[in-house]
């Protein structure tokens, strides 16, 4: 039972330290492009995506892609910006 208690305390500590991020809109009459990258280490691939929204949060356009190559975080997000 000691292992279960330790695991539960660990989970509670992780939940307490997580920060909540909320999307912030751009200024009026501007667009905002958010990018993200993901990594599939088991197959040696990197994926990325981007999404454009207006100042009201309305969806405009998005895309995603994958490359069968291992990239780091900066490279993955740069690929999303490049697209």
C-alpha atoms as a PDB file:
ATOM      1  CA  UNK A   1       0.000   0.000   0.000  1.00  0.00           C
ATOM      2  CA  UNK A   2       2.925   2.323   0.533  1.00  0.00           C
ATOM      3  CA  UNK A   3       3.662   2.326  -3.238  1.00  0.00           C
ATOM      4  CA  UNK A   4       0.033   3.302  -4.003  1.00  0.00           C
ATOM      5  CA  UNK A   5       0.157   6.189  -1.544  1.00  0.00           C
ATOM      6  CA  UNK A   6       3.434   7.414  -2.999  1.00  0.00           C
ATOM      7  CA  UNK A   7       2.000   7.254  -6.537  1.00  0.00           C
ATOM      8  CA  UNK A   8      -1.138   9.157  -5.476  1.00  0.00           C
ATOM      9  CA  UNK A   9       0.971  11.896  -3.820  1.00  0.00           C
ATOM     10  CA  UNK A  10       3.117  12.145  -6.933  1.00  0.00           C
ATOM     11  CA  UNK A  11       0.017  12.566  -9.131  1.00  0.00           C
ATOM     12  CA  UNK A  12      -1.392  15.262  -6.846  1.00  0.00           C
ATOM     13  CA  UNK A  13       1.912  17.171  -6.906  1.00  0.00           C
ATOM     14  CA  UNK A  14       2.032  17.057 -10.707  1.00  0.00           C
ATOM     15  CA  UNK A  15      -1.545  18.333 -10.981  1.00  0.00           C
ATOM     16  CA  UNK A  16      -0.823  21.159  -8.540  1.00  0.00           C
ATOM     17  CA  UNK A  17       2.238  22.362 -10.475  1.00  0.00           C
ATOM     18  CA  UNK A  18       0.659  22.316 -13.947  1.00  0.00           C
ATOM     19  CA  UNK A  19      -0.149  25.749 -15.296  1.00  0.00           C
ATOM     20  CA  UNK A  20      -3.248  26.499 -17.294  1.00  0.00           C
ATOM     21  CA  UNK A  21      -2.646  28.350 -20.530  1.00  0.00           C
ATOM     22  CA  UNK A  22      -5.443  30.059 -22.388  1.00  0.00           C
ATOM     23  CA  UNK A  23      -5.372  31.234 -25.999  1.00  0.00           C
ATOM     24  CA  UNK A  24      -5.031  34.982 -26.280  1.00  0.00           C
ATOM     25  CA  UNK A  25      -6.548  36.649 -29.355  1.00  0.00           C
ATOM     26  CA  UNK A  26      -4.567  39.071 -31.508  1.00  0.00           C
ATOM     27  CA  UNK A  27      -5.511  42.735 -31.658  1.00  0.00           C
ATOM     28  CA  UNK A  28      -8.565  43.729 -33.701  1.00  0.00           C
ATOM     29  CA  UNK A  29      -8.360  43.147 -37.466  1.00  0.00           C
ATOM     30  CA  UNK A  30      -5.257  40.943 -37.119  1.00  0.00           C
ATOM     31  CA  UNK A  31      -4.731  37.194 -37.447  1.00  0.00           C
ATOM     32  CA  UNK A  32      -2.844  34.865 -35.155  1.00  0.00           C
ATOM     33  CA  UNK A  33      -1.005  31.716 -36.186  1.00  0.00           C
ATOM     34  CA  UNK A  34      -0.369  29.086 -33.509  1.00  0.00           C
ATOM     35  CA  UNK A  35       2.075  26.259 -34.215  1.00  0.00           C
ATOM     36  CA  UNK A  36       2.978  23.028 -32.469  1.00  0.00           C
ATOM     37  CA  UNK A  37       5.165  20.004 -33.095  1.00  0.00           C
ATOM     38  CA  UNK A  38       4.883  16.395 -31.947  1.00  0.00           C
ATOM     39  CA  UNK A  39       7.414  13.599 -31.875  1.00  0.00           C
ATOM     40  CA  UNK A  40       7.037   9.907 -32.600  1.00  0.00           C
ATOM     41  CA  UNK A  41      10.301   8.498 -31.244  1.00  0.00           C
ATOM     42  CA  UNK A  42       9.269   4.882 -31.783  1.00  0.00           C
ATOM     43  CA  UNK A  43       9.170   5.405 -35.580  1.00  0.00           C
ATOM     44  CA  UNK A  44      11.652   8.285 -35.849  1.00  0.00           C
ATOM     45  CA  UNK A  45       9.161  10.843 -37.140  1.00  0.00           C
ATOM     46  CA  UNK A  46       8.214  14.441 -36.372  1.00  0.00           C
ATOM     47  CA  UNK A  47       4.821  16.011 -36.986  1.00  0.00           C
ATOM     48  CA  UNK A  48       3.694  19.607 -36.881  1.00  0.00           C
ATOM     49  CA  UNK A  49       0.634  21.702 -37.390  1.00  0.00           C
ATOM     50  CA  UNK A  50      -0.568  25.254 -37.466  1.00  0.00           C
ATOM     51  CA  UNK A  51      -3.859  27.077 -37.115  1.00  0.00           C
ATOM     52  CA  UNK A  52      -4.873  30.633 -37.994  1.00  0.00           C
ATOM     53  CA  UNK A  53      -7.659  32.443 -36.139  1.00  0.00           C
ATOM     54  CA  UNK A  54      -8.910  36.010 -36.262  1.00  0.00           C
ATOM     55  CA  UNK A  55      -9.201  38.462 -33.371  1.00  0.00           C
ATOM     56  CA  UNK A  56     -12.605  36.996 -32.464  1.00  0.00           C
ATOM     57  CA  UNK A  57     -11.165  33.479 -32.276  1.00  0.00           C
ATOM     58  CA  UNK A  58     -12.859  32.364 -35.488  1.00  0.00           C
ATOM     59  CA  UNK A  59     -11.103  29.597 -37.408  1.00  0.00           C
ATOM     60  CA  UNK A  60      -9.553  30.704 -40.717  1.00  0.00           C
ATOM     61  CA  UNK A  61      -7.159  27.993 -41.913  1.00  0.00           C
ATOM     62  CA  UNK A  62      -5.018  25.100 -40.632  1.00  0.00           C
ATOM     63  CA  UNK A  63      -2.652  22.391 -41.805  1.00  0.00           C
ATOM     64  CA  UNK A  64      -0.526  19.553 -40.477  1.00  0.00           C
ATOM     65  CA  UNK A  65       2.278  17.418 -41.814  1.00  0.00           C
ATOM     66  CA  UNK A  66       4.729  14.696 -40.824  1.00  0.00           C
ATOM     67  CA  UNK A  67       8.293  13.878 -41.805  1.00  0.00           C
ATOM     68  CA  UNK A  68      10.010  10.563 -41.151  1.00  0.00           C
ATOM     69  CA  UNK A  69      12.989  12.213 -39.534  1.00  0.00           C
ATOM     70  CA  UNK A  70      13.779  13.113 -35.948  1.00  0.00           C
ATOM     71  CA  UNK A  71      13.789  16.864 -35.416  1.00  0.00           C
ATOM     72  CA  UNK A  72      14.166  18.800 -32.178  1.00  0.00           C
ATOM     73  CA  UNK A  73      11.425  21.042 -30.792  1.00  0.00           C
ATOM     74  CA  UNK A  74      12.716  24.209 -32.449  1.00  0.00           C
ATOM     75  CA  UNK A  75      13.077  22.507 -35.828  1.00  0.00           C
ATOM     76  CA  UNK A  76       9.593  20.951 -35.623  1.00  0.00           C
ATOM     77  CA  UNK A  77       7.925  24.243 -34.796  1.00  0.00           C
ATOM     78  CA  UNK A  78      10.015  26.028 -37.440  1.00  0.00           C
ATOM     79  CA  UNK A  79       8.682  23.592 -40.038  1.00  0.00           C
ATOM     80  CA  UNK A  80       5.133  24.556 -39.005  1.00  0.00           C
ATOM     81  CA  UNK A  81       5.951  28.259 -39.332  1.00  0.00           C
ATOM     82  CA  UNK A  82       7.613  27.644 -42.701  1.00  0.00           C
ATOM     83  CA  UNK A  83       4.412  26.096 -44.064  1.00  0.00           C
END
